[in-house]
Amino acid sequence: MVGRLVLVLGDQLTETLSALAQADKARDTVVMAEVADEAAYVRHHPKKIALIFAAMRKFAHALEQDGWTVAYTQLDDTDNAGSIVGELLRRAAQTGASEVLATEPGEWRLIGKLKYAPL
């Protein structure tokens, strides 16, 4: 049975995230991505972006230590799709997943993009 993708965003770094609570550690893949779309949609101080990415990397490592399979994309990865939806599509193609578990984002802009994603 093909697992699902579990989206964890940079402002959702908690073990009590509802998407993680619904996921199956044995078969689902956590997807986390540093993407230009999210880092640049409004102007942020470069140190803020660096801090968010560092927290994401630390959280991804903690999830792996806890037994989760994590597909993590760094900003400078050559295969980085540049957007959350692009990364979900890329990871779906890699894993065969056709379902995504996600906790609703806090921004309408991203909710709209995810709602109409072709997954």
PDB file of N, CA and C in Angstrom:
ATOM      1  N   MET A   1       0.842  -1.188   0.000  1.00  0.00           N
ATOM      2  CA  MET A   1       0.000   0.000   0.000  1.00  0.00           C
ATOM      3  C   MET A   1       0.885   1.248   0.000  1.00  0.00           C
ATOM      4  N   VAL A   2       0.622   2.160  -0.918  1.00  0.00           N
ATOM      5  CA  VAL A   2       1.387   3.399  -1.014  1.00  0.00           C
ATOM      6  C   VAL A   2       0.943   4.341   0.091  1.00  0.00           C
ATOM      7  N   GLY A   3       1.912   4.933   0.747  1.00  0.00           N
ATOM      8  CA  GLY A   3       1.609   5.873   1.822  1.00  0.00           C
ATOM      9  C   GLY A   3       1.187   7.232   1.294  1.00  0.00           C
ATOM     10  N   ARG A   4       0.883   8.087   2.227  1.00  0.00           N
ATOM     11  CA  ARG A   4       0.470   9.453   1.912  1.00  0.00           C
ATOM     12  C   ARG A   4       1.630  10.412   2.168  1.00  0.00           C
ATOM     13  N   LEU A   5       1.485  11.621   1.680  1.00  0.00           N
ATOM     14  CA  LEU A   5       2.420  12.680   2.001  1.00  0.00           C
ATOM     15  C   LEU A   5       1.832  13.492   3.150  1.00  0.00           C
ATOM     16  N   VAL A   6       2.684  13.894   4.064  1.00  0.00           N
ATOM     17  CA  VAL A   6       2.255  14.691   5.209  1.00  0.00           C
ATOM     18  C   VAL A   6       3.001  16.025   5.125  1.00  0.00           C
ATOM     19  N   LEU A   7       2.295  17.082   4.809  1.00  0.00           N
ATOM     20  CA  LEU A   7       2.909  18.385   4.647  1.00  0.00           C
ATOM     21  C   LEU A   7       3.106  19.060   5.996  1.00  0.00           C
ATOM     22  N   VAL A   8       4.338  19.503   6.257  1.00  0.00           N
ATOM     23  CA  VAL A   8       4.642  20.282   7.452  1.00  0.00           C
ATOM     24  C   VAL A   8       5.288  21.586   6.985  1.00  0.00           C
ATOM     25  N   LEU A   9       4.641  22.694   7.311  1.00  0.00           N
ATOM     26  CA  LEU A   9       5.124  24.005   6.903  1.00  0.00           C
ATOM     27  C   LEU A   9       6.029  24.614   7.976  1.00  0.00           C
ATOM     28  N   GLY A  10       6.744  25.654   7.602  1.00  0.00           N
ATOM     29  CA  GLY A  10       7.714  26.271   8.491  1.00  0.00           C
ATOM     30  C   GLY A  10       7.135  26.915   9.732  1.00  0.00           C
ATOM     31  N   ASP A  11       5.843  27.196   9.733  1.00  0.00           N
ATOM     32  CA  ASP A  11       5.210  27.749  10.928  1.00  0.00           C
ATOM     33  C   ASP A  11       4.342  26.701  11.641  1.00  0.00           C
ATOM     34  N   GLN A  12       4.613  25.428  11.370  1.00  0.00           N
ATOM     35  CA  GLN A  12       3.850  24.326  11.975  1.00  0.00           C
ATOM     36  C   GLN A  12       4.776  23.298  12.628  1.00  0.00           C
ATOM     37  N   LEU A  13       5.848  23.741  13.212  1.00  0.00           N
ATOM     38  CA  LEU A  13       6.879  22.835  13.714  1.00  0.00           C
ATOM     39  C   LEU A  13       6.571  22.365  15.126  1.00  0.00           C
ATOM     40  N   THR A  14       5.633  21.431  15.236  1.00  0.00           N
ATOM     41  CA  THR A  14       5.266  20.857  16.523  1.00  0.00           C
ATOM     42  C   THR A  14       4.858  19.397  16.351  1.00  0.00           C
ATOM     43  N   GLU A  15       5.239  18.578  17.303  1.00  0.00           N
ATOM     44  CA  GLU A  15       4.886  17.153  17.246  1.00  0.00           C
ATOM     45  C   GLU A  15       3.389  16.924  17.385  1.00  0.00           C
ATOM     46  N   THR A  16       2.652  17.931  17.880  1.00  0.00           N
ATOM     47  CA  THR A  16       1.208  17.786  18.069  1.00  0.00           C
ATOM     48  C   THR A  16       0.408  18.280  16.863  1.00  0.00           C
ATOM     49  N   LEU A  17       1.073  18.517  15.754  1.00  0.00           N
ATOM     50  CA  LEU A  17       0.414  18.963  14.527  1.00  0.00           C
ATOM     51  C   LEU A  17      -0.666  17.950  14.120  1.00  0.00           C
ATOM     52  N   SER A  18      -1.836  18.422  13.772  1.00  0.00           N
ATOM     53  CA  SER A  18      -2.947  17.515  13.451  1.00  0.00           C
ATOM     54  C   SER A  18      -2.619  16.596  12.276  1.00  0.00           C
ATOM     55  N   ALA A  19      -1.897  17.085  11.277  1.00  0.00           N
ATOM     56  CA  ALA A  19      -1.536  16.226  10.136  1.00  0.00           C
ATOM     57  C   ALA A  19      -0.662  15.065  10.591  1.00  0.00           C
ATOM     58  N   LEU A  20       0.267  15.310  11.498  1.00  0.00           N
ATOM     59  CA  LEU A  20       1.113  14.226  12.017  1.00  0.00           C
ATOM     60  C   LEU A  20       0.297  13.260  12.864  1.00  0.00           C
ATOM     61  N   ALA A  21      -0.656  13.787  13.615  1.00  0.00           N
ATOM     62  CA  ALA A  21      -1.500  12.931  14.464  1.00  0.00           C
ATOM     63  C   ALA A  21      -2.337  11.967  13.630  1.00  0.00           C
ATOM     64  N   GLN A  22      -2.703  12.369  12.404  1.00  0.00           N
ATOM     65  CA  GLN A  22      -3.508  11.525  11.524  1.00  0.00           C
ATOM     66  C   GLN A  22      -2.657  10.582  10.672  1.00  0.00           C
ATOM     67  N   ALA A  23      -1.360  10.807  10.663  1.00  0.00           N
ATOM     68  CA  ALA A  23      -0.472  10.053   9.778  1.00  0.00           C
ATOM     69  C   ALA A  23      -0.024   8.737  10.392  1.00  0.00           C
ATOM     70  N   ASP A  24       0.457   7.873   9.525  1.00  0.00           N
ATOM     71  CA  ASP A  24       1.002   6.574   9.920  1.00  0.00           C
ATOM     72  C   ASP A  24       2.518   6.619   9.731  1.00  0.00           C
ATOM     73  N   LYS A  25       3.235   6.644  10.830  1.00  0.00           N
ATOM     74  CA  LYS A  25       4.691   6.750  10.806  1.00  0.00           C
ATOM     75  C   LYS A  25       5.330   5.640   9.979  1.00  0.00           C
ATOM     76  N   ALA A  26       4.711   4.488   9.935  1.00  0.00           N
ATOM     77  CA  ALA A  26       5.280   3.336   9.243  1.00  0.00           C
ATOM     78  C   ALA A  26       5.159   3.418   7.717  1.00  0.00           C
ATOM     79  N   ARG A  27       4.213   4.207   7.201  1.00  0.00           N
ATOM     80  CA  ARG A  27       4.033   4.204   5.751  1.00  0.00           C
ATOM     81  C   ARG A  27       3.957   5.578   5.106  1.00  0.00           C
ATOM     82  N   ASP A  28       3.720   6.630   5.857  1.00  0.00           N
ATOM     83  CA  ASP A  28       3.578   7.967   5.283  1.00  0.00           C
ATOM     84  C   ASP A  28       4.918   8.707   5.265  1.00  0.00           C
ATOM     85  N   THR A  29       5.040   9.672   4.374  1.00  0.00           N
ATOM     86  CA  THR A  29       6.262  10.459   4.224  1.00  0.00           C
ATOM     87  C   THR A  29       5.982  11.915   4.542  1.00  0.00           C
ATOM     88  N   VAL A  30       6.738  12.461   5.477  1.00  0.00           N
ATOM     89  CA  VAL A  30       6.632  13.878   5.819  1.00  0.00           C
ATOM     90  C   VAL A  30       7.373  14.677   4.743  1.00  0.00           C
ATOM     91  N   VAL A  31       6.722  15.714   4.230  1.00  0.00           N
ATOM     92  CA  VAL A  31       7.324  16.588   3.229  1.00  0.00           C
ATOM     93  C   VAL A  31       7.525  17.965   3.847  1.00  0.00           C
ATOM     94  N   MET A  32       8.775  18.413   3.812  1.00  0.00           N
ATOM     95  CA  MET A  32       9.124  19.756   4.276  1.00  0.00           C
ATOM     96  C   MET A  32      10.018  20.372   3.206  1.00  0.00           C
ATOM     97  N   ALA A  33       9.817  21.667   2.938  1.00  0.00           N
ATOM     98  CA  ALA A  33      10.583  22.268   1.851  1.00  0.00           C
ATOM     99  C   ALA A  33      10.852  23.748   2.099  1.00  0.00           C
ATOM    100  N   GLU A  34      12.083  24.115   1.848  1.00  0.00           N
ATOM    101  CA  GLU A  34      12.487  25.515   1.827  1.00  0.00           C
ATOM    102  C   GLU A  34      12.304  25.964   0.380  1.00  0.00           C
ATOM    103  N   VAL A  35      11.331  26.810   0.131  1.00  0.00           N
ATOM    104  CA  VAL A  35      11.050  27.188  -1.257  1.00  0.00           C
ATOM    105  C   VAL A  35      11.038  28.703  -1.431  1.00  0.00           C
ATOM    106  N   ALA A  36      11.481  29.128  -2.595  1.00  0.00           N
ATOM    107  CA  ALA A  36      11.576  30.553  -2.904  1.00  0.00           C
ATOM    108  C   ALA A  36      10.210  31.241  -2.825  1.00  0.00           C
ATOM    109  N   ASP A  37       9.152  30.566  -3.276  1.00  0.00           N
ATOM    110  CA  ASP A  37       7.806  31.153  -3.229  1.00  0.00           C
ATOM    111  C   ASP A  37       7.451  31.635  -1.827  1.00  0.00           C
ATOM    112  N   GLU A  38       7.733  30.828  -0.839  1.00  0.00           N
ATOM    113  CA  GLU A  38       7.359  31.166   0.535  1.00  0.00           C
ATOM    114  C   GLU A  38       8.341  32.141   1.181  1.00  0.00           C
ATOM    115  N   ALA A  39       9.598  32.080   0.784  1.00  0.00           N
ATOM    116  CA  ALA A  39      10.606  32.964   1.379  1.00  0.00           C
ATOM    117  C   ALA A  39      10.537  34.380   0.815  1.00  0.00           C
ATOM    118  N   ALA A  40       9.958  34.535  -0.378  1.00  0.00           N
ATOM    119  CA  ALA A  40      10.030  35.828  -1.047  1.00  0.00           C
ATOM    120  C   ALA A  40       8.683  36.484  -1.347  1.00  0.00           C
ATOM    121  N   TYR A  41       7.558  35.884  -0.927  1.00  0.00           N
ATOM    122  CA  TYR A  41       6.270  36.472  -1.314  1.00  0.00           C
ATOM    123  C   TYR A  41       6.040  37.831  -0.659  1.00  0.00           C
ATOM    124  N   VAL A  42       6.632  38.073   0.493  1.00  0.00           N
ATOM    125  CA  VAL A  42       6.708  39.408   1.086  1.00  0.00           C
ATOM    126  C   VAL A  42       8.144  39.596   1.568  1.00  0.00           C
ATOM    127  N   ARG A  43       8.511  40.819   1.768  1.00  0.00           N
ATOM    128  CA  ARG A  43       9.878  41.107   2.177  1.00  0.00           C
ATOM    129  C   ARG A  43      10.114  40.693   3.620  1.00  0.00           C
ATOM    130  N   HIS A  44      11.158  39.880   3.838  1.00  0.00           N
ATOM    131  CA  HIS A  44      11.556  39.437   5.176  1.00  0.00           C
ATOM    132  C   HIS A  44      13.029  39.747   5.373  1.00  0.00           C
ATOM    133  N   HIS A  45      13.399  39.948   6.597  1.00  0.00           N
ATOM    134  CA  HIS A  45      14.815  40.112   6.904  1.00  0.00           C
ATOM    135  C   HIS A  45      15.509  38.776   6.637  1.00  0.00           C
ATOM    136  N   PRO A  46      16.675  38.786   6.004  1.00  0.00           N
ATOM    137  CA  PRO A  46      17.380  37.535   5.704  1.00  0.00           C
ATOM    138  C   PRO A  46      17.645  36.677   6.944  1.00  0.00           C
ATOM    139  N   LYS A  47      17.852  37.301   8.084  1.00  0.00           N
ATOM    140  CA  LYS A  47      18.087  36.534   9.317  1.00  0.00           C
ATOM    141  C   LYS A  47      16.826  35.787   9.751  1.00  0.00           C
ATOM    142  N   LYS A  48      15.665  36.372   9.483  1.00  0.00           N
ATOM    143  CA  LYS A  48      14.412  35.694   9.815  1.00  0.00           C
ATOM    144  C   LYS A  48      14.260  34.432   8.968  1.00  0.00           C
ATOM    145  N   ILE A  49      14.535  34.554   7.676  1.00  0.00           N
ATOM    146  CA  ILE A  49      14.452  33.394   6.787  1.00  0.00           C
ATOM    147  C   ILE A  49      15.438  32.321   7.231  1.00  0.00           C
ATOM    148  N   ALA A  50      16.659  32.722   7.542  1.00  0.00           N
ATOM    149  CA  ALA A  50      17.678  31.764   8.007  1.00  0.00           C
ATOM    150  C   ALA A  50      17.230  31.071   9.282  1.00  0.00           C
ATOM    151  N   LEU A  51      16.617  31.805  10.197  1.00  0.00           N
ATOM    152  CA  LEU A  51      16.137  31.220  11.448  1.00  0.00           C
ATOM    153  C   LEU A  51      15.017  30.207  11.195  1.00  0.00           C
ATOM    154  N   ILE A  52      14.099  30.554  10.316  1.00  0.00           N
ATOM    155  CA  ILE A  52      12.996  29.631   9.992  1.00  0.00           C
ATOM    156  C   ILE A  52      13.545  28.356   9.358  1.00  0.00           C
ATOM    157  N   PHE A  53      14.459  28.501   8.404  1.00  0.00           N
ATOM    158  CA  PHE A  53      15.032  27.325   7.755  1.00  0.00           C
ATOM    159  C   PHE A  53      15.814  26.471   8.750  1.00  0.00           C
ATOM    160  N   ALA A  54      16.539  27.096   9.659  1.00  0.00           N
ATOM    161  CA  ALA A  54      17.282  26.338  10.673  1.00  0.00           C
ATOM    162  C   ALA A  54      16.322  25.568  11.580  1.00  0.00           C
ATOM    163  N   ALA A  55      15.218  26.202  11.965  1.00  0.00           N
ATOM    164  CA  ALA A  55      14.222  25.522  12.797  1.00  0.00           C
ATOM    165  C   ALA A  55      13.585  24.361  12.042  1.00  0.00           C
ATOM    166  N   MET A  56      13.318  24.558  10.751  1.00  0.00           N
ATOM    167  CA  MET A  56      12.738  23.487   9.934  1.00  0.00           C
ATOM    168  C   MET A  56      13.688  22.294   9.852  1.00  0.00           C
ATOM    169  N   ARG A  57      14.964  22.570   9.630  1.00  0.00           N
ATOM    170  CA  ARG A  57      15.953  21.489   9.537  1.00  0.00           C
ATOM    171  C   ARG A  57      16.062  20.728  10.847  1.00  0.00           C
ATOM    172  N   LYS A  58      16.051  21.454  11.946  1.00  0.00           N
ATOM    173  CA  LYS A  58      16.136  20.817  13.272  1.00  0.00           C
ATOM    174  C   LYS A  58      14.896  19.955  13.525  1.00  0.00           C
ATOM    175  N   PHE A  59      13.724  20.459  13.170  1.00  0.00           N
ATOM    176  CA  PHE A  59      12.490  19.702  13.365  1.00  0.00           C
ATOM    177  C   PHE A  59      12.463  18.458  12.480  1.00  0.00           C
ATOM    178  N   ALA A  60      12.903  18.603  11.232  1.00  0.00           N
ATOM    179  CA  ALA A  60      12.963  17.449  10.327  1.00  0.00           C
ATOM    180  C   ALA A  60      13.880  16.374  10.908  1.00  0.00           C
ATOM    181  N   HIS A  61      15.010  16.784  11.444  1.00  0.00           N
ATOM    182  CA  HIS A  61      15.945  15.836  12.051  1.00  0.00           C
ATOM    183  C   HIS A  61      15.299  15.142  13.253  1.00  0.00           C
ATOM    184  N   ALA A  62      14.584  15.899  14.071  1.00  0.00           N
ATOM    185  CA  ALA A  62      13.901  15.314  15.228  1.00  0.00           C
ATOM    186  C   ALA A  62      12.848  14.297  14.790  1.00  0.00           C
ATOM    187  N   LEU A  63      12.121  14.602  13.718  1.00  0.00           N
ATOM    188  CA  LEU A  63      11.136  13.646  13.203  1.00  0.00           C
ATOM    189  C   LEU A  63      11.814  12.366  12.730  1.00  0.00           C
ATOM    190  N   GLU A  64      12.933  12.505  12.017  1.00  0.00           N
ATOM    191  CA  GLU A  64      13.676  11.324  11.561  1.00  0.00           C
ATOM    192  C   GLU A  64      14.161  10.498  12.752  1.00  0.00           C
ATOM    193  N   GLN A  65      14.638  11.156  13.785  1.00  0.00           N
ATOM    194  CA  GLN A  65      15.096  10.458  14.982  1.00  0.00           C
ATOM    195  C   GLN A  65      13.946   9.724  15.664  1.00  0.00           C
ATOM    196  N   ASP A  66      12.726  10.234  15.477  1.00  0.00           N
ATOM    197  CA  ASP A  66      11.530   9.611  16.054  1.00  0.00           C
ATOM    198  C   ASP A  66      10.950   8.518  15.162  1.00  0.00           C
ATOM    199  N   GLY A  67      11.591   8.248  14.019  1.00  0.00           N
ATOM    200  CA  GLY A  67      11.153   7.152  13.164  1.00  0.00           C
ATOM    201  C   GLY A  67      10.345   7.530  11.941  1.00  0.00           C
ATOM    202  N   TRP A  68      10.146   8.817  11.697  1.00  0.00           N
ATOM    203  CA  TRP A  68       9.420   9.251  10.503  1.00  0.00           C
ATOM    204  C   TRP A  68      10.325   9.217   9.277  1.00  0.00           C
ATOM    205  N   THR A  69       9.752   8.977   8.122  1.00  0.00           N
ATOM    206  CA  THR A  69      10.439   9.171   6.859  1.00  0.00           C
ATOM    207  C   THR A  69      10.186  10.614   6.459  1.00  0.00           C
ATOM    208  N   VAL A  70      11.264  11.378   6.255  1.00  0.00           N
ATOM    209  CA  VAL A  70      11.132  12.798   5.941  1.00  0.00           C
ATOM    210  C   VAL A  70      11.793  13.079   4.595  1.00  0.00           C
ATOM    211  N   ALA A  71      11.036  13.698   3.704  1.00  0.00           N
ATOM    212  CA  ALA A  71      11.575  14.173   2.428  1.00  0.00           C
ATOM    213  C   ALA A  71      11.751  15.676   2.592  1.00  0.00           C
ATOM    214  N   TYR A  72      12.988  16.093   2.796  1.00  0.00           N
ATOM    215  CA  TYR A  72      13.287  17.493   3.084  1.00  0.00           C
ATOM    216  C   TYR A  72      14.026  18.109   1.902  1.00  0.00           C
ATOM    217  N   THR A  73      13.568  19.265   1.464  1.00  0.00           N
ATOM    218  CA  THR A  73      14.201  19.973   0.357  1.00  0.00           C
ATOM    219  C   THR A  73      14.794  21.280   0.866  1.00  0.00           C
ATOM    220  N   GLN A  74      16.101  21.426   0.684  1.00  0.00           N
ATOM    221  CA  GLN A  74      16.743  22.679   1.037  1.00  0.00           C
ATOM    222  C   GLN A  74      16.616  23.667  -0.116  1.00  0.00           C
ATOM    223  N   LEU A  75      16.716  24.942   0.210  1.00  0.00           N
ATOM    224  CA  LEU A  75      16.535  25.998  -0.783  1.00  0.00           C
ATOM    225  C   LEU A  75      17.475  25.838  -1.969  1.00  0.00           C
ATOM    226  N   ASP A  76      18.693  25.393  -1.714  1.00  0.00           N
ATOM    227  CA  ASP A  76      19.683  25.290  -2.792  1.00  0.00           C
ATOM    228  C   ASP A  76      19.752  23.908  -3.443  1.00  0.00           C
ATOM    229  N   ASP A  77      18.818  23.017  -3.116  1.00  0.00           N
ATOM    230  CA  ASP A  77      18.781  21.709  -3.787  1.00  0.00           C
ATOM    231  C   ASP A  77      18.514  21.915  -5.278  1.00  0.00           C
ATOM    232  N   THR A  78      19.258  21.221  -6.102  1.00  0.00           N
ATOM    233  CA  THR A  78      19.113  21.408  -7.555  1.00  0.00           C
ATOM    234  C   THR A  78      17.734  20.983  -8.071  1.00  0.00           C
ATOM    235  N   ASP A  79      17.074  20.064  -7.381  1.00  0.00           N
ATOM    236  CA  ASP A  79      15.750  19.606  -7.812  1.00  0.00           C
ATOM    237  C   ASP A  79      14.605  20.390  -7.179  1.00  0.00           C
ATOM    238  N   ASN A  80      14.914  21.415  -6.394  1.00  0.00           N
ATOM    239  CA  ASN A  80      13.893  22.198  -5.710  1.00  0.00           C
ATOM    240  C   ASN A  80      12.920  22.782  -6.736  1.00  0.00           C
ATOM    241  N   ALA A  81      11.643  22.501  -6.548  1.00  0.00           N
ATOM    242  CA  ALA A  81      10.614  22.967  -7.485  1.00  0.00           C
ATOM    243  C   ALA A  81      10.264  24.439  -7.289  1.00  0.00           C
ATOM    244  N   GLY A  82      10.664  25.031  -6.175  1.00  0.00           N
ATOM    245  CA  GLY A  82      10.439  26.455  -5.953  1.00  0.00           C
ATOM    246  C   GLY A  82       9.130  26.833  -5.299  1.00  0.00           C
ATOM    247  N   SER A  83       8.231  25.859  -5.120  1.00  0.00           N
ATOM    248  CA  SER A  83       6.934  26.136  -4.484  1.00  0.00           C
ATOM    249  C   SER A  83       6.505  24.921  -3.665  1.00  0.00           C
ATOM    250  N   ILE A  84       5.615  25.153  -2.724  1.00  0.00           N
ATOM    251  CA  ILE A  84       5.095  24.049  -1.903  1.00  0.00           C
ATOM    252  C   ILE A  84       4.363  23.042  -2.789  1.00  0.00           C
ATOM    253  N   VAL A  85       3.488  23.531  -3.652  1.00  0.00           N
ATOM    254  CA  VAL A  85       2.742  22.627  -4.532  1.00  0.00           C
ATOM    255  C   VAL A  85       3.697  21.861  -5.437  1.00  0.00           C
ATOM    256  N   GLY A  86       4.683  22.536  -5.989  1.00  0.00           N
ATOM    257  CA  GLY A  86       5.672  21.867  -6.835  1.00  0.00           C
ATOM    258  C   GLY A  86       6.422  20.772  -6.095  1.00  0.00           C
ATOM    259  N   GLU A  87       6.767  21.036  -4.852  1.00  0.00           N
ATOM    260  CA  GLU A  87       7.456  20.024  -4.059  1.00  0.00           C
ATOM    261  C   GLU A  87       6.538  18.849  -3.727  1.00  0.00           C
ATOM    262  N   LEU A  88       5.276  19.120  -3.449  1.00  0.00           N
ATOM    263  CA  LEU A  88       4.331  18.020  -3.201  1.00  0.00           C
ATOM    264  C   LEU A  88       4.183  17.154  -4.453  1.00  0.00           C
ATOM    265  N   LEU A  89       4.074  17.783  -5.605  1.00  0.00           N
ATOM    266  CA  LEU A  89       3.951  17.023  -6.851  1.00  0.00           C
ATOM    267  C   LEU A  89       5.216  16.206  -7.114  1.00  0.00           C
ATOM    268  N   ARG A  90       6.367  16.798  -6.865  1.00  0.00           N
ATOM    269  CA  ARG A  90       7.632  16.082  -7.063  1.00  0.00           C
ATOM    270  C   ARG A  90       7.724  14.882  -6.129  1.00  0.00           C
ATOM    271  N   ARG A  91       7.367  15.073  -4.878  1.00  0.00           N
ATOM    272  CA  ARG A  91       7.439  13.967  -3.910  1.00  0.00           C
ATOM    273  C   ARG A  91       6.361  12.915  -4.194  1.00  0.00           C
ATOM    274  N   ALA A  92       5.217  13.323  -4.690  1.00  0.00           N
ATOM    275  CA  ALA A  92       4.179  12.353  -5.066  1.00  0.00           C
ATOM    276  C   ALA A  92       4.679  11.475  -6.203  1.00  0.00           C
ATOM    277  N   ALA A  93       5.352  12.076  -7.170  1.00  0.00           N
ATOM    278  CA  ALA A  93       5.907  11.302  -8.286  1.00  0.00           C
ATOM    279  C   ALA A  93       6.967  10.320  -7.799  1.00  0.00           C
ATOM    280  N   GLN A  94       7.752  10.723  -6.816  1.00  0.00           N
ATOM    281  CA  GLN A  94       8.799   9.853  -6.285  1.00  0.00           C
ATOM    282  C   GLN A  94       8.238   8.690  -5.476  1.00  0.00           C
ATOM    283  N   THR A  95       7.194   8.955  -4.702  1.00  0.00           N
ATOM    284  CA  THR A  95       6.682   7.944  -3.769  1.00  0.00           C
ATOM    285  C   THR A  95       5.476   7.181  -4.283  1.00  0.00           C
ATOM    286  N   GLY A  96       4.785   7.732  -5.276  1.00  0.00           N
ATOM    287  CA  GLY A  96       3.547   7.124  -5.749  1.00  0.00           C
ATOM    288  C   GLY A  96       2.332   7.542  -4.940  1.00  0.00           C
ATOM    289  N   ALA A  97       2.526   8.447  -4.005  1.00  0.00           N
ATOM    290  CA  ALA A  97       1.413   8.908  -3.162  1.00  0.00           C
ATOM    291  C   ALA A  97       0.419   9.716  -3.981  1.00  0.00           C
ATOM    292  N   SER A  98      -0.858   9.576  -3.644  1.00  0.00           N
ATOM    293  CA  SER A  98      -1.885  10.357  -4.321  1.00  0.00           C
ATOM    294  C   SER A  98      -2.758  11.118  -3.319  1.00  0.00           C
ATOM    295  N   GLU A  99      -2.338  11.111  -2.059  1.00  0.00           N
ATOM    296  CA  GLU A  99      -3.084  11.802  -1.009  1.00  0.00           C
ATOM    297  C   GLU A  99      -2.112  12.597  -0.149  1.00  0.00           C
ATOM    298  N   VAL A 100      -2.559  13.783   0.278  1.00  0.00           N
ATOM    299  CA  VAL A 100      -1.751  14.635   1.138  1.00  0.00           C
ATOM    300  C   VAL A 100      -2.530  14.933   2.403  1.00  0.00           C
ATOM    301  N   LEU A 101      -1.882  14.731   3.534  1.00  0.00           N
ATOM    302  CA  LEU A 101      -2.423  15.162   4.810  1.00  0.00           C
ATOM    303  C   LEU A 101      -1.782  16.502   5.127  1.00  0.00           C
ATOM    304  N   ALA A 102      -2.593  17.479   5.488  1.00  0.00           N
ATOM    305  CA  ALA A 102      -2.055  18.802   5.800  1.00  0.00           C
ATOM    306  C   ALA A 102      -2.910  19.461   6.866  1.00  0.00           C
ATOM    307  N   THR A 103      -2.250  20.181   7.748  1.00  0.00           N
ATOM    308  CA  THR A 103      -2.938  21.061   8.669  1.00  0.00           C
ATOM    309  C   THR A 103      -3.148  22.369   7.926  1.00  0.00           C
ATOM    310  N   GLU A 104      -4.332  22.939   8.024  1.00  0.00           N
ATOM    311  CA  GLU A 104      -4.633  24.131   7.247  1.00  0.00           C
ATOM    312  C   GLU A 104      -3.611  25.236   7.513  1.00  0.00           C
ATOM    313  N   PRO A 105      -3.046  25.784   6.449  1.00  0.00           N
ATOM    314  CA  PRO A 105      -2.101  26.892   6.608  1.00  0.00           C
ATOM    315  C   PRO A 105      -2.792  28.126   7.195  1.00  0.00           C
ATOM    316  N   GLY A 106      -2.006  29.012   7.741  1.00  0.00           N
ATOM    317  CA  GLY A 106      -2.551  30.228   8.331  1.00  0.00           C
ATOM    318  C   GLY A 106      -2.743  31.356   7.334  1.00  0.00           C
ATOM    319  N   GLU A 107      -2.460  31.128   6.060  1.00  0.00           N
ATOM    320  CA  GLU A 107      -2.568  32.177   5.048  1.00  0.00           C
ATOM    321  C   GLU A 107      -3.499  31.746   3.913  1.00  0.00           C
ATOM    322  N   TRP A 108      -4.422  32.633   3.559  1.00  0.00           N
ATOM    323  CA  TRP A 108      -5.362  32.345   2.481  1.00  0.00           C
ATOM    324  C   TRP A 108      -4.654  32.072   1.170  1.00  0.00           C
ATOM    325  N   ARG A 109      -3.559  32.800   0.918  1.00  0.00           N
ATOM    326  CA  ARG A 109      -2.806  32.643  -0.314  1.00  0.00           C
ATOM    327  C   ARG A 109      -2.366  31.193  -0.502  1.00  0.00           C
ATOM    328  N   LEU A 110      -1.824  30.588   0.547  1.00  0.00           N
ATOM    329  CA  LEU A 110      -1.347  29.218   0.462  1.00  0.00           C
ATOM    330  C   LEU A 110      -2.499  28.212   0.502  1.00  0.00           C
ATOM    331  N   ILE A 111      -3.548  28.524   1.248  1.00  0.00           N
ATOM    332  CA  ILE A 111      -4.731  27.645   1.271  1.00  0.00           C
ATOM    333  C   ILE A 111      -5.279  27.502  -0.149  1.00  0.00           C
ATOM    334  N   GLY A 112      -5.379  28.596  -0.883  1.00  0.00           N
ATOM    335  CA  GLY A 112      -5.886  28.549  -2.256  1.00  0.00           C
ATOM    336  C   GLY A 112      -5.006  27.732  -3.169  1.00  0.00           C
ATOM    337  N   LYS A 113      -3.693  27.884  -3.038  1.00  0.00           N
ATOM    338  CA  LYS A 113      -2.772  27.121  -3.883  1.00  0.00           C
ATOM    339  C   LYS A 113      -2.900  25.624  -3.609  1.00  0.00           C
ATOM    340  N   LEU A 114      -2.997  25.248  -2.341  1.00  0.00           N
ATOM    341  CA  LEU A 114      -3.095  23.835  -1.990  1.00  0.00           C
ATOM    342  C   LEU A 114      -4.457  23.255  -2.379  1.00  0.00           C
ATOM    343  N   LYS A 115      -5.501  24.050  -2.226  1.00  0.00           N
ATOM    344  CA  LYS A 115      -6.848  23.578  -2.537  1.00  0.00           C
ATOM    345  C   LYS A 115      -6.984  23.172  -4.001  1.00  0.00           C
ATOM    346  N   TYR A 116      -6.318  23.888  -4.893  1.00  0.00           N
ATOM    347  CA  TYR A 116      -6.451  23.615  -6.313  1.00  0.00           C
ATOM    348  C   TYR A 116      -5.259  22.864  -6.907  1.00  0.00           C
ATOM    349  N   ALA A 117      -4.416  22.316  -6.046  1.00  0.00           N
ATOM    350  CA  ALA A 117      -3.275  21.541  -6.519  1.00  0.00           C
ATOM    351  C   ALA A 117      -3.774  20.241  -7.172  1.00  0.00           C
ATOM    352  N   PRO A 118      -3.150  19.820  -8.235  1.00  0.00           N
ATOM    353  CA  PRO A 118      -3.618  18.629  -8.965  1.00  0.00           C
ATOM    354  C   PRO A 118      -3.142  17.317  -8.327  1.00  0.00           C
ATOM    355  N   LEU A 119      -3.387  17.164  -7.058  1.00  0.00           N
ATOM    356  CA  LEU A 119      -3.035  15.909  -6.378  1.00  0.00           C
ATOM    357  C   LEU A 119      -4.278  15.127  -6.043  1.00  0.00           C
TER     358      LEU A 119
END
